Protein backbone atom coordinates (compact mmCIF):
# COMPACT_ATOMS: atom_id res chain seq x y z
CA MET A 1 0.16 24.52 21.57
CA LYS A 2 0.56 20.87 20.65
CA ASN A 3 -0.56 19.47 17.35
CA TYR A 4 -2.59 16.31 17.69
CA LEU A 5 -3.02 14.04 14.72
CA GLY A 6 -5.63 11.54 13.76
CA GLU A 7 -4.45 8.08 12.77
CA PHE A 8 -4.60 8.77 9.03
CA GLU A 9 -2.81 12.12 9.39
CA GLU A 10 -0.07 10.41 11.37
CA LEU A 11 0.34 7.68 8.77
CA VAL A 12 0.44 10.17 5.88
CA LEU A 13 3.07 12.22 7.72
CA ILE A 14 5.16 9.09 8.25
CA MET A 15 4.75 8.14 4.58
CA VAL A 16 6.02 11.58 3.54
CA GLY A 17 9.15 10.86 5.56
CA ILE A 18 9.49 7.37 4.07
CA CYS A 19 9.02 8.56 0.48
CA GLY A 20 11.63 11.28 0.93
CA GLU A 21 12.21 13.42 -2.16
CA GLU A 22 9.54 11.48 -4.08
CA ALA A 23 6.72 12.26 -1.64
CA TYR A 24 3.70 13.19 -3.75
CA GLY A 25 0.12 11.96 -3.80
CA ASN A 26 0.43 8.81 -5.91
CA ALA A 27 3.74 7.77 -4.32
CA ILE A 28 2.12 8.01 -0.89
CA VAL A 29 -0.87 5.94 -2.05
CA GLU A 30 1.59 3.31 -3.32
CA ALA A 31 3.56 3.43 -0.05
CA PHE A 32 0.36 2.66 1.89
CA LYS A 33 -0.20 -0.38 -0.33
CA LYS A 34 3.41 -1.58 -0.13
CA GLN A 35 4.13 -0.90 3.55
CA LEU A 36 0.72 -1.55 5.12
CA ASP A 37 -1.18 -3.51 2.45
CA ARG A 38 -3.83 -0.82 2.77
CA ASP A 39 -5.75 0.83 -0.04
CA VAL A 40 -6.30 4.57 0.38
CA SER A 41 -7.81 7.08 -1.99
CA LEU A 42 -5.69 9.71 -3.69
CA SER A 43 -8.16 12.43 -2.73
CA ALA A 44 -7.99 11.47 0.96
CA VAL A 45 -4.19 11.63 0.79
CA HIS A 46 -4.26 15.05 -0.91
CA ILE A 47 -6.73 16.50 1.60
CA THR A 48 -4.59 15.21 4.45
CA LEU A 49 -1.37 16.57 2.92
CA TYR A 50 -2.94 20.04 2.64
CA ARG A 51 -4.14 19.81 6.26
CA LEU A 52 -0.65 18.81 7.40
CA GLU A 53 0.78 21.71 5.41
CA ASP A 54 -1.64 24.12 7.10
CA LYS A 55 -0.38 22.79 10.45
CA GLY A 56 3.24 23.42 9.39
CA LEU A 57 4.15 19.72 9.52
CA VAL A 58 4.95 19.41 5.81
CA LYS A 59 5.86 21.89 3.10
CA SER A 60 5.43 21.54 -0.63
CA HIS A 61 6.88 22.69 -3.92
CA TYR A 62 6.31 21.83 -7.55
CA GLY A 63 8.71 19.56 -9.41
CA GLY A 64 9.43 19.78 -13.12
CA ALA A 65 6.82 18.98 -15.76
CA THR A 66 7.10 15.56 -17.38
CA ALA A 67 5.77 14.14 -20.63
CA THR A 68 4.37 11.11 -18.80
CA ARG A 69 2.15 13.47 -16.81
CA GLY A 70 1.00 15.38 -19.89
CA GLY A 71 3.22 18.33 -19.01
CA ARG A 72 1.81 18.65 -15.51
CA ARG A 73 4.09 19.15 -12.56
CA LYS A 74 4.10 17.02 -9.39
CA ARG A 75 3.44 18.72 -6.08
CA LEU A 76 6.16 17.29 -3.87
CA PHE A 77 5.92 17.27 -0.08
CA GLN A 78 8.64 17.29 2.54
CA ILE A 79 8.34 16.78 6.27
CA THR A 80 9.35 19.86 8.26
CA ASN A 81 11.38 19.98 11.46
CA ALA A 82 8.10 20.47 13.33
CA GLY A 83 6.68 17.37 11.62
CA THR A 84 9.72 15.28 12.50
CA SER A 85 9.60 16.51 16.09
CA LEU A 86 5.91 15.65 16.38
CA ILE A 87 6.44 12.16 14.96
CA ARG A 88 9.21 11.58 17.52
CA ASP A 89 6.91 12.77 20.32
CA ILE A 90 4.14 10.44 19.13
CA GLN A 91 6.57 7.53 18.94
CA ASP A 92 7.83 8.24 22.47
CA GLN A 93 4.28 8.44 23.83
CA ARG A 94 3.27 5.17 22.19
CA GLN A 95 6.37 3.32 23.38
CA LYS A 96 5.72 4.56 26.91
CA LEU A 97 2.15 3.21 26.77
CA TRP A 98 3.16 -0.07 25.13
CA LYS A 99 5.57 -0.73 28.00
CA LEU A 100 2.66 -0.37 30.43
CA PHE A 101 0.39 -2.78 28.56
CA PRO A 102 0.36 -6.12 30.42
CA GLY A 103 1.65 -9.05 28.42
CA LEU A 104 2.64 -6.99 25.40
CA GLU A 105 6.24 -7.46 24.39
CA PHE A 106 8.21 -5.39 21.95
CA ARG A 107 8.88 -7.56 18.92
CA LEU A 108 11.02 -7.00 15.88
CA HIS A 109 9.96 -8.80 12.71
């Protein structure tokens, strides 16, 4: 059975990969702002991370407690092999469609 992702789920999954070992809620919110100039809510990111975890596309663990967080621990997320595989499949599908779109050229910026 294939996993299908909504646009926001896909972007959050990609941001987890981009953030690497520092993938947690606030870092992902900041990545949206930096990479896409898009404001997203922390609660929407958390809900999506938990949904992706339920689908087996990310896994999580708790980092160490820090004084700057009042002794609370960060819940860190990591993309799984299944998540990476799905992102590759999505990328392949999109590239295939983009090549079929008349007048659309692949551009690197």
